[in-house]
Amino acid sequence: MSHSPPEAIYVAGRWRKAATDDLIDVVDPTTEELLARVPRCSPADAGLAVAAAHAAQDDWAQVPQPERIAAVGALLKALEARADRLTDAVVGDVGTPLRIADKLQTHLPLAAVTGFLDAAQGIEDPVRVGNSTVHRSPVGVVAAITPWNYPLLQILGKVVPALLSGSTVVLKPSEVAPLVPYLLAEAIDEAGLPPGVFNMLSGLGPEVGAALAAHPDVDMVSFTGSTQGGQAVAAAAAPRIKRVALELGGKSAAVVLPGADLERAVKATVSSCLLNSGQTCLALTRLIVPRAHYAEAVEQAAALAVRFTPGDPRDPGTKQGPLVSAAQRARVRGFIDRATADGARIAAGGSQAPGGLDRGFFVQPTVIADADPGAEIAQEEVFGPVLVVLPHDGPDDAVRIANGTRYGLSGAVWGPDEESAVAVARRLRTGQVDVNGGAFNPAAPFGGMKLSGTGREFGRFGLEEYYQLQSLQR
């Protein structure tokens, strides 16, 4: 990577040294070489950043909405000017293949900003309800805690609506992949936002993230990550009854109904499961097919998966890069080994290292068959390139299996026609469902049910999360 971040944090409009000299190594997941170092911040740093955001809050809330919209527009231009550097950073930081990174890690997030700017039009207009006028006010100081798998998208999904609403932000990105956030902070500095409106720390979740969630001057916490992490954030925030938005884990199912286009459904599901090496919260990781077509579906999925040969993400021809870390690789391989120990069959891939790759945190794209729907591999989020194929005995059984996990983030239904597919999709307890291959829409509300979280992100629905409602009776 051509640009290394400063060993500093961004607070009150300037780069400054953290309270301690401790640093976190950032490792290239492809080469296993040191990529950069960032500060391991302390709760004292968190307090400093919150104080800056709190001090800036009242003035930023009073800035007219057109000026806030213009400020985010300036940020968008600064990010667009850094598009190549953002892509380069995420390839080195996360290991996303170059052609996928450019489209999904850089340009999709920039399109989401445009969607927020469109959604902001008119959202603060007062609404008359009888003798009352309802106004929207900014929620206040927002702690945004984000993961490593889609760093720019997840950050902009929180920071941009907060800024548009008149709220101020303290961002704590993942310490595993912090390079993209540093480019964002650089762009914000260039865009000229007032000091303290945006602040950024690096560090560990249990140290800095926990301090932010519990801080009395933080009015809202928006967290994306594991369900376990979300539970910890919610518990830390609970004593102050602050607003909490959580986008957590998933074990999303693709349901194929009798008469649907099986080949198309399997292809789309495999592509979803293996995208970003399976490190996607909304990945379709369970393929639920009619029992009569089970063997065929397993064979098709296995044949497709082996085409996703792992390799150097900087090679334009690579379809699957490494996992983000050695710990993540060990975790995914553990899931595969326990699945076979439980009696499941490996139809493609496995826990062995891919051939010809003696460096990097790679895992083979893996298809698992003959697993029980209640087994760990069919219940828990693996967050790696692992697909489980399960048979069903009709639509009711398919819905039962699809809804039979603690998660409810995403899903898909493939039917012989739109009407039958929509009827089943409406029965799934999940925040979004792709119907017969419907594409991801960054303007639609994104979020989960059950242990997949609460609150919604992106578009107008995501922007609304960062406002409080006040009614004036006259």
Protein backbone atom coordinates (compact mmCIF):
# COMPACT_ATOMS: atom_id res chain seq x y z
CA MET A 1 0.00 0.00 0.00
CA SER A 2 1.27 3.43 -0.94
CA HIS A 3 -0.14 5.38 2.00
CA SER A 4 0.43 4.61 5.67
CA PRO A 5 -1.68 6.20 8.41
CA PRO A 6 -0.17 8.42 11.05
CA GLU A 7 0.42 6.81 14.44
CA ALA A 8 -2.09 9.28 15.84
CA ILE A 9 -5.78 9.88 16.50
CA TYR A 10 -8.06 12.57 15.07
CA VAL A 11 -9.71 14.66 17.81
CA ALA A 12 -11.14 18.19 17.77
CA GLY A 13 -10.09 18.83 14.19
CA ARG A 14 -6.45 17.79 14.37
CA TRP A 15 -4.15 14.79 14.54
CA ARG A 16 -2.73 14.23 17.97
CA LYS A 17 -0.78 11.63 19.93
CA ALA A 18 -2.73 9.05 21.92
CA ALA A 19 -2.47 8.91 25.70
CA THR A 20 -0.20 5.86 25.60
CA ASP A 21 2.66 4.75 23.35
CA ASP A 22 1.11 1.31 22.78
CA LEU A 23 0.59 0.41 19.13
CA ILE A 24 -1.41 -2.25 17.26
CA ASP A 25 0.21 -4.04 14.33
CA VAL A 26 -1.80 -4.10 11.10
CA VAL A 27 -0.95 -7.24 9.11
CA ASP A 28 -1.43 -7.78 5.38
CA PRO A 29 -3.61 -10.93 5.25
CA THR A 30 -2.15 -11.97 1.89
CA THR A 31 1.55 -11.71 2.71
CA GLU A 32 1.37 -11.89 6.54
CA GLU A 33 3.77 -8.93 6.57
CA LEU A 34 3.47 -5.84 8.76
CA LEU A 35 1.42 -3.21 6.93
CA ALA A 36 1.22 -0.39 9.48
CA ARG A 37 0.81 0.40 13.17
CA VAL A 38 -1.97 2.40 14.79
CA PRO A 39 -2.41 3.57 18.40
CA ARG A 40 -3.93 1.31 21.01
CA CYS A 41 -6.08 3.97 22.59
CA SER A 42 -7.25 3.98 26.19
CA PRO A 43 -10.48 5.02 27.92
CA ALA A 44 -8.76 8.36 28.52
CA ASP A 45 -8.55 8.90 24.76
CA ALA A 46 -12.22 7.97 24.47
CA GLY A 47 -13.07 10.57 27.08
CA LEU A 48 -11.10 13.22 25.22
CA ALA A 49 -12.87 12.46 21.94
CA VAL A 50 -16.31 12.47 23.55
CA ALA A 51 -15.52 15.79 25.22
CA ALA A 52 -14.62 17.27 21.82
CA ALA A 53 -17.82 15.95 20.24
CA HIS A 54 -19.91 17.16 23.18
CA ALA A 55 -18.38 20.63 23.00
CA ALA A 56 -19.13 20.87 19.27
CA GLN A 57 -22.67 19.47 19.47
CA ASP A 58 -24.76 22.56 20.15
CA ASP A 59 -23.10 24.68 17.47
CA TRP A 60 -23.32 21.91 14.85
CA ALA A 61 -26.99 21.32 15.65
CA GLN A 62 -27.67 25.00 14.96
CA VAL A 63 -26.01 24.94 11.53
CA PRO A 64 -28.78 25.23 8.92
CA GLN A 65 -29.53 21.95 7.19
CA PRO A 66 -28.46 23.16 3.71
CA GLU A 67 -25.01 23.89 5.11
CA ARG A 68 -24.78 20.44 6.70
CA ILE A 69 -25.82 18.90 3.39
CA ALA A 70 -23.15 20.96 1.63
CA ALA A 71 -20.52 19.79 4.13
CA VAL A 72 -21.35 16.15 3.45
CA GLY A 73 -21.26 16.91 -0.27
CA ALA A 74 -17.74 18.28 0.17
CA LEU A 75 -16.81 15.10 2.05
CA LEU A 76 -18.17 13.01 -0.82
CA LYS A 77 -15.98 14.90 -3.30
CA ALA A 78 -12.92 14.42 -1.08
CA LEU A 79 -13.65 10.68 -0.91
CA GLU A 80 -14.19 10.43 -4.66
CA ALA A 81 -10.77 12.01 -5.17
CA ARG A 82 -9.32 9.22 -3.00
CA ALA A 83 -11.21 6.35 -4.64
CA ASP A 84 -8.10 4.56 -5.91
CA ARG A 85 -6.35 4.91 -2.55
CA LEU A 86 -9.44 3.62 -0.72
CA THR A 87 -9.53 0.55 -2.97
CA ASP A 88 -5.80 0.01 -2.54
CA ALA A 89 -6.19 0.26 1.24
CA VAL A 90 -9.00 -2.28 1.49
CA VAL A 91 -7.17 -4.78 -0.73
CA GLY A 92 -4.18 -4.60 1.59
CA ASP A 93 -6.15 -4.29 4.81
CA VAL A 94 -8.98 -6.81 4.30
CA GLY A 95 -7.80 -8.90 1.36
CA THR A 96 -10.83 -8.20 -0.85
CA PRO A 97 -10.00 -8.98 -4.50
CA LEU A 98 -9.23 -5.84 -6.49
CA ARG A 99 -12.15 -5.90 -8.91
CA ILE A 100 -14.65 -6.58 -6.11
CA ALA A 101 -13.06 -4.00 -3.82
CA ASP A 102 -13.35 -1.24 -6.40
CA LYS A 103 -17.06 -1.91 -6.93
CA LEU A 104 -18.34 -2.94 -3.50
CA GLN A 105 -15.81 -1.54 -1.05
CA THR A 106 -15.40 1.90 -2.64
CA HIS A 107 -18.05 2.88 -5.16
CA LEU A 108 -21.06 1.28 -3.41
CA PRO A 109 -20.34 3.28 -0.22
CA LEU A 110 -19.99 6.47 -2.26
CA ALA A 111 -23.34 5.75 -3.90
CA ALA A 112 -24.82 5.27 -0.43
CA VAL A 113 -23.68 8.79 0.49
CA THR A 114 -25.54 10.14 -2.52
CA GLY A 115 -28.58 8.23 -1.30
CA PHE A 116 -28.32 9.89 2.11
CA LEU A 117 -28.04 13.32 0.50
CA ASP A 118 -31.22 12.62 -1.48
CA ALA A 119 -32.99 11.32 1.63
CA ALA A 120 -32.07 14.45 3.59
CA GLN A 121 -34.19 16.64 1.34
CA GLY A 122 -37.25 17.69 3.33
CA ILE A 123 -36.68 15.33 6.23
CA GLU A 124 -36.44 18.20 8.72
CA ASP A 125 -39.57 19.96 7.52
CA PRO A 126 -42.03 20.35 10.43
CA VAL A 127 -45.12 18.12 10.28
CA ARG A 128 -48.55 19.34 11.45
CA VAL A 129 -50.57 16.82 13.48
CA GLY A 130 -53.78 18.47 14.70
CA ASN A 131 -52.77 21.27 17.05
CA SER A 132 -49.19 19.98 17.21
CA THR A 133 -46.13 20.62 15.11
CA VAL A 134 -43.61 17.77 15.07
CA HIS A 135 -39.95 18.70 14.68
CA ARG A 136 -36.85 16.56 14.24
CA SER A 137 -33.83 17.29 16.44
CA PRO A 138 -30.37 15.68 16.25
CA VAL A 139 -29.88 12.73 18.57
CA GLY A 140 -26.63 14.26 19.92
CA VAL A 141 -23.19 12.72 20.36
CA VAL A 142 -22.96 9.43 18.45
CA ALA A 143 -20.41 6.70 19.14
CA ALA A 144 -19.97 4.74 15.91
CA ILE A 145 -18.26 1.37 16.37
CA THR A 146 -17.58 -0.40 13.10
CA PRO A 147 -16.17 -3.74 11.82
CA TRP A 148 -13.41 -4.63 9.39
CA ASN A 149 -15.17 -6.52 6.61
CA TYR A 150 -16.66 -3.54 4.70
CA PRO A 151 -14.90 -0.67 6.45
CA LEU A 152 -15.95 2.30 4.31
CA LEU A 153 -19.55 1.18 3.79
CA GLN A 154 -20.15 0.48 7.46
CA ILE A 155 -18.52 3.74 8.56
CA LEU A 156 -20.36 5.95 6.08
CA GLY A 157 -23.63 4.22 7.00
CA LYS A 158 -23.24 5.71 10.47
CA VAL A 159 -21.12 8.85 10.14
CA VAL A 160 -22.96 10.44 7.22
CA PRO A 161 -26.52 10.29 8.63
CA ALA A 162 -25.22 11.47 11.99
CA LEU A 163 -23.55 14.50 10.40
CA LEU A 164 -26.59 15.26 8.25
CA SER A 165 -28.87 15.19 11.29
CA GLY A 166 -26.75 17.73 13.15
CA SER A 167 -25.20 15.14 15.47
CA THR A 168 -21.49 14.86 16.22
CA VAL A 169 -19.48 11.65 15.99
CA VAL A 170 -16.76 9.64 17.68
CA LEU A 171 -15.72 6.80 15.38
CA LYS A 172 -14.00 3.67 16.68
CA PRO A 173 -13.21 1.49 13.62
CA SER A 174 -11.92 -2.06 13.87
CA GLU A 175 -8.30 -2.38 14.91
CA VAL A 176 -7.99 -5.28 12.46
CA ALA A 177 -8.47 -3.08 9.38
CA PRO A 178 -8.00 0.61 10.28
CA LEU A 179 -6.38 1.97 7.12
CA VAL A 180 -9.54 2.98 5.24
CA PRO A 181 -10.83 4.96 8.27
CA TYR A 182 -7.63 6.99 8.30
CA LEU A 183 -8.25 8.00 4.69
CA LEU A 184 -11.79 8.96 5.69
CA ALA A 185 -10.49 11.17 8.51
CA GLU A 186 -8.10 12.80 6.05
CA ALA A 187 -11.04 13.48 3.69
CA ILE A 188 -13.13 14.95 6.52
CA ASP A 189 -10.24 17.21 7.47
CA GLU A 190 -10.02 18.40 3.86
CA ALA A 191 -13.80 18.95 3.68
CA GLY A 192 -13.50 21.51 6.46
CA LEU A 193 -15.99 20.29 9.03
CA PRO A 194 -15.84 22.28 12.28
CA PRO A 195 -13.43 20.89 14.91
CA GLY A 196 -14.99 18.24 17.13
CA VAL A 197 -17.85 17.39 14.79
CA PHE A 198 -15.98 14.23 13.74
CA ASN A 199 -13.41 12.43 15.89
CA MET A 200 -11.67 9.08 15.38
CA LEU A 201 -9.90 6.68 17.71
CA SER A 202 -8.16 3.37 17.10
CA GLY A 203 -8.07 0.59 19.64
CA LEU A 204 -9.69 -2.54 20.99
CA GLY A 205 -13.42 -2.95 21.43
CA PRO A 206 -13.36 -4.13 25.05
CA GLU A 207 -11.20 -1.12 25.94
CA VAL A 208 -12.20 1.86 23.80
CA GLY A 209 -15.54 0.64 22.45
CA ALA A 210 -16.78 -0.24 25.93
CA ALA A 211 -15.71 3.17 27.26
CA LEU A 212 -17.61 4.94 24.48
CA ALA A 213 -20.77 2.88 24.97
CA ALA A 214 -20.85 3.63 28.69
CA HIS A 215 -19.84 7.31 28.52
CA PRO A 216 -22.51 9.60 30.02
CA ASP A 217 -22.08 12.23 27.28
CA VAL A 218 -22.69 9.76 24.44
CA ASP A 219 -26.35 9.97 23.39
CA MET A 220 -26.40 7.11 20.87
CA VAL A 221 -24.28 4.08 20.08
CA SER A 222 -24.37 2.58 16.60
CA PHE A 223 -22.56 -0.75 16.51
CA THR A 224 -21.93 -3.26 13.74
CA GLY A 225 -20.26 -6.54 14.62
CA SER A 226 -20.85 -9.86 16.33
CA THR A 227 -23.96 -10.62 18.34
CA GLN A 228 -21.78 -11.09 21.42
CA GLY A 229 -20.25 -7.64 20.88
CA GLY A 230 -23.69 -6.12 20.40
CA GLN A 231 -24.90 -7.61 23.67
CA ALA A 232 -21.93 -6.06 25.47
CA VAL A 233 -22.59 -2.65 23.87
CA ALA A 234 -26.28 -2.75 24.78
CA ALA A 235 -25.47 -3.69 28.37
CA ALA A 236 -22.94 -0.86 28.69
CA ALA A 237 -25.41 1.66 27.25
CA ALA A 238 -28.43 0.48 29.27
CA PRO A 239 -27.86 2.41 32.53
CA ARG A 240 -28.18 5.73 30.66
CA ILE A 241 -31.11 4.53 28.50
CA LYS A 242 -29.30 5.86 25.44
CA ARG A 243 -30.34 4.97 21.95
CA VAL A 244 -28.63 1.85 20.59
CA ALA A 245 -28.61 0.68 16.97
CA LEU A 246 -27.16 -2.79 16.39
CA GLU A 247 -26.37 -4.56 13.12
CA LEU A 248 -25.17 -7.99 14.17
CA GLY A 249 -24.62 -11.53 12.90
CA GLY A 250 -26.54 -13.60 10.41
CA LYS A 251 -27.09 -17.14 9.20
CA SER A 252 -29.11 -16.25 6.17
CA ALA A 253 -30.96 -18.81 4.10
CA ALA A 254 -31.69 -19.04 0.39
CA VAL A 255 -34.95 -20.95 0.01
CA VAL A 256 -35.58 -22.66 -3.32
CA LEU A 257 -39.22 -23.60 -3.92
CA PRO A 258 -40.42 -26.42 -6.21
CA GLY A 259 -40.49 -25.27 -9.81
CA ALA A 260 -37.90 -22.51 -9.32
CA ASP A 261 -34.83 -22.16 -11.53
CA LEU A 262 -32.47 -24.34 -9.48
CA GLU A 263 -29.33 -23.61 -11.48
CA ARG A 264 -29.79 -19.84 -11.20
CA ALA A 265 -30.61 -20.06 -7.49
CA VAL A 266 -27.56 -22.17 -6.70
CA LYS A 267 -25.24 -19.90 -8.67
CA ALA A 268 -26.52 -16.76 -6.94
CA THR A 269 -26.32 -18.37 -3.50
CA VAL A 270 -22.75 -19.62 -3.97
CA SER A 271 -21.69 -16.16 -5.18
CA SER A 272 -23.33 -14.52 -2.15
CA CYS A 273 -21.79 -16.98 0.28
CA LEU A 274 -18.25 -16.63 -1.09
CA LEU A 275 -18.29 -12.85 -1.62
CA ASN A 276 -15.44 -11.19 0.29
CA SER A 277 -14.26 -14.69 1.31
CA GLY A 278 -17.53 -15.22 3.16
CA GLN A 279 -16.86 -12.24 5.42
CA THR A 280 -20.22 -10.61 4.75
CA CYS A 281 -22.91 -10.31 7.41
CA LEU A 282 -25.77 -10.76 4.94
CA ALA A 283 -24.13 -13.66 3.07
CA LEU A 284 -26.47 -16.48 2.10
CA THR A 285 -24.78 -19.37 3.91
CA ARG A 286 -27.62 -21.91 3.94
CA LEU A 287 -29.09 -23.23 0.70
CA ILE A 288 -32.46 -24.91 1.38
CA VAL A 289 -33.69 -26.90 -1.63
CA PRO A 290 -36.48 -29.40 -2.40
CA ARG A 291 -35.46 -32.87 -1.27
CA ALA A 292 -36.02 -34.24 -4.78
CA HIS A 293 -33.29 -31.89 -6.07
CA TYR A 294 -30.95 -32.09 -3.09
CA ALA A 295 -28.22 -34.22 -4.66
CA GLU A 296 -28.30 -32.09 -7.81
CA ALA A 297 -28.03 -28.87 -5.81
CA VAL A 298 -25.07 -30.16 -3.79
CA GLU A 299 -23.29 -31.20 -6.98
CA GLN A 300 -23.92 -27.85 -8.65
CA ALA A 301 -22.81 -25.86 -5.60
CA ALA A 302 -19.61 -27.88 -5.27
CA ALA A 303 -18.76 -27.44 -8.94
CA LEU A 304 -19.24 -23.67 -8.67
CA ALA A 305 -17.34 -23.29 -5.40
CA VAL A 306 -14.14 -24.87 -6.67
CA ARG A 307 -13.97 -22.20 -9.37
CA PHE A 308 -13.40 -19.57 -6.66
CA THR A 309 -9.72 -20.43 -6.46
CA PRO A 310 -8.07 -18.45 -3.65
CA GLY A 311 -5.24 -16.18 -4.70
CA ASP A 312 -3.56 -12.80 -4.48
CA PRO A 313 -6.32 -10.16 -4.24
CA ARG A 314 -4.14 -7.72 -6.19
CA ASP A 315 -4.35 -10.00 -9.24
CA PRO A 316 -7.29 -8.71 -11.34
CA GLY A 317 -8.33 -12.31 -12.05
CA THR A 318 -8.66 -13.41 -8.42
CA LYS A 319 -12.21 -14.15 -7.24
CA GLN A 320 -11.43 -15.04 -3.61
CA GLY A 321 -8.81 -13.50 -1.36
CA PRO A 322 -7.68 -14.44 2.14
CA LEU A 323 -9.52 -14.12 5.41
CA VAL A 324 -8.62 -11.02 7.37
CA SER A 325 -6.46 -12.59 10.08
CA ALA A 326 -4.85 -15.76 11.38
CA ALA A 327 -7.45 -15.87 14.16
CA GLN A 328 -10.28 -15.70 11.64
CA ARG A 329 -8.70 -18.46 9.54
CA ALA A 330 -8.38 -20.71 12.60
CA ARG A 331 -11.98 -20.01 13.58
CA VAL A 332 -13.37 -20.94 10.15
CA ARG A 333 -11.27 -24.09 9.87
CA GLY A 334 -12.52 -25.09 13.31
CA PHE A 335 -16.12 -24.87 12.13
CA ILE A 336 -15.34 -27.11 9.15
CA ASP A 337 -13.55 -29.72 11.25
CA ARG A 338 -16.34 -29.83 13.84
CA ALA A 339 -18.94 -30.21 11.08
CA THR A 340 -17.24 -33.34 9.74
CA ALA A 341 -16.86 -34.65 13.29
CA ASP A 342 -20.64 -34.21 13.65
CA GLY A 343 -21.19 -36.39 10.57
CA ALA A 344 -21.50 -33.83 7.78
CA ARG A 345 -19.91 -34.43 4.39
CA ILE A 346 -17.48 -32.11 2.61
CA ALA A 347 -18.72 -31.80 -0.99
CA ALA A 348 -16.03 -29.27 -1.93
CA GLY A 349 -13.09 -27.64 -0.18
CA GLY A 350 -12.29 -28.48 3.43
CA SER A 351 -10.13 -27.18 6.26
CA GLN A 352 -6.79 -27.96 4.60
CA ALA A 353 -4.75 -25.04 3.26
CA PRO A 354 -5.33 -24.32 -0.44
CA GLY A 355 -2.67 -25.77 -2.68
CA GLY A 356 0.14 -23.49 -3.82
CA LEU A 357 -0.40 -20.85 -1.13
CA ASP A 358 2.25 -21.08 1.56
CA ARG A 359 1.55 -17.59 2.90
CA GLY A 360 -1.63 -15.74 3.69
CA PHE A 361 -4.75 -16.47 5.72
CA PHE A 362 -6.53 -18.50 3.04
CA VAL A 363 -9.38 -21.00 3.42
CA GLN A 364 -10.75 -23.11 0.59
CA PRO A 365 -14.30 -22.34 -0.58
CA THR A 366 -16.24 -25.14 1.09
CA VAL A 367 -19.63 -26.77 0.51
CA ILE A 368 -21.04 -28.96 3.27
CA ALA A 369 -23.79 -31.54 2.79
CA ASP A 370 -25.68 -34.02 4.98
CA ALA A 371 -25.67 -31.73 8.04
CA ASP A 372 -28.53 -31.66 10.49
CA PRO A 373 -30.41 -28.31 10.41
CA GLY A 374 -29.80 -28.06 14.17
CA ALA A 375 -26.05 -28.70 13.95
CA GLU A 376 -23.57 -25.95 14.75
CA ILE A 377 -22.52 -25.53 11.12
CA ALA A 378 -26.16 -24.86 10.15
CA GLN A 379 -26.91 -22.65 13.14
CA GLU A 380 -23.92 -20.41 13.85
CA GLU A 381 -22.33 -17.65 11.80
CA VAL A 382 -19.04 -18.95 10.38
CA PHE A 383 -18.00 -15.70 8.65
CA GLY A 384 -15.97 -17.57 6.09
CA PRO A 385 -16.41 -19.21 2.67
CA VAL A 386 -18.60 -22.08 3.88
CA LEU A 387 -22.01 -23.01 2.43
CA VAL A 388 -24.36 -25.60 3.94
CA VAL A 389 -26.91 -27.28 1.66
CA LEU A 390 -30.08 -28.58 3.35
CA PRO A 391 -33.16 -30.40 1.96
CA HIS A 392 -36.77 -29.41 2.63
CA ASP A 393 -40.11 -31.17 2.21
CA GLY A 394 -42.23 -28.30 0.96
CA PRO A 395 -42.69 -24.57 1.58
CA ASP A 396 -43.82 -24.90 5.20
CA ASP A 397 -40.80 -27.06 6.03
CA ALA A 398 -38.50 -24.66 4.19
CA VAL A 399 -39.81 -21.70 6.20
CA ARG A 400 -39.40 -23.68 9.42
CA ILE A 401 -35.76 -24.45 8.63
CA ALA A 402 -35.01 -20.91 7.41
CA ASN A 403 -36.49 -19.37 10.58
CA GLY A 404 -34.93 -22.00 12.81
CA THR A 405 -31.87 -20.02 13.93
CA ARG A 406 -31.41 -17.19 16.41
CA TYR A 407 -30.56 -14.80 13.56
CA GLY A 408 -32.71 -12.81 11.15
CA LEU A 409 -30.62 -10.49 9.01
CA SER A 410 -31.06 -11.45 5.37
CA GLY A 411 -32.42 -14.16 3.11
CA ALA A 412 -33.55 -15.08 -0.37
CA VAL A 413 -36.47 -16.92 -1.91
CA TRP A 414 -36.53 -18.44 -5.36
CA GLY A 415 -39.94 -19.45 -6.70
CA PRO A 416 -41.51 -20.41 -10.02
CA ASP A 417 -43.19 -16.99 -10.07
CA GLU A 418 -43.02 -13.74 -8.13
CA GLU A 419 -46.30 -14.27 -6.29
CA SER A 420 -45.32 -17.60 -4.73
CA ALA A 421 -41.82 -16.33 -3.89
CA VAL A 422 -43.15 -13.18 -2.20
CA ALA A 423 -45.66 -15.23 -0.19
CA VAL A 424 -42.82 -17.27 1.33
CA ALA A 425 -40.51 -14.25 1.66
CA ARG A 426 -43.10 -12.48 3.83
CA ARG A 427 -43.01 -15.44 6.23
CA LEU A 428 -39.27 -15.20 6.83
CA ARG A 429 -38.29 -13.52 10.11
CA THR A 430 -35.51 -11.49 8.61
CA GLY A 431 -34.81 -7.84 7.85
CA GLN A 432 -34.43 -8.17 4.11
CA VAL A 433 -35.17 -10.84 1.52
CA ASP A 434 -34.03 -11.06 -2.11
CA VAL A 435 -36.90 -12.33 -4.28
CA ASN A 436 -35.90 -14.25 -7.41
CA GLY A 437 -32.52 -12.55 -7.53
CA GLY A 438 -33.47 -9.03 -6.48
CA ALA A 439 -30.38 -6.82 -6.19
CA PHE A 440 -29.13 -5.13 -3.00
CA ASN A 441 -30.62 -1.65 -2.70
CA PRO A 442 -28.53 0.84 -0.65
CA ALA A 443 -31.54 3.15 -0.32
CA ALA A 444 -33.68 0.49 1.38
CA PRO A 445 -33.62 -0.05 5.15
CA PHE A 446 -30.95 -2.56 6.18
CA GLY A 447 -30.96 -4.34 9.53
CA GLY A 448 -32.09 -7.42 11.36
CA MET A 449 -34.60 -9.17 13.57
CA LYS A 450 -34.01 -11.42 16.57
CA LEU A 451 -30.32 -11.57 17.52
CA SER A 452 -29.32 -9.92 14.25
CA GLY A 453 -29.97 -6.55 15.79
CA THR A 454 -32.22 -3.54 16.05
CA GLY A 455 -32.52 -0.33 14.05
CA ARG A 456 -32.02 0.25 10.35
CA GLU A 457 -29.27 1.72 8.17
CA PHE A 458 -29.08 3.50 4.78
CA GLY A 459 -31.48 5.74 2.90
CA ARG A 460 -34.23 7.72 4.62
CA PHE A 461 -34.93 4.96 7.15
CA GLY A 462 -31.30 4.96 8.22
CA LEU A 463 -31.19 8.75 8.44
CA GLU A 464 -34.27 8.80 10.67
CA GLU A 465 -32.38 6.79 13.32
CA TYR A 466 -30.25 9.86 14.11
CA TYR A 467 -33.12 12.20 14.99
CA GLN A 468 -35.26 12.70 18.07
CA LEU A 469 -38.88 13.80 17.66
CA GLN A 470 -40.25 16.84 19.49
CA SER A 471 -43.89 17.94 19.29
CA LEU A 472 -45.04 21.50 20.07
CA GLN A 473 -48.70 21.86 21.05
CA ARG A 474 -50.35 25.18 20.19
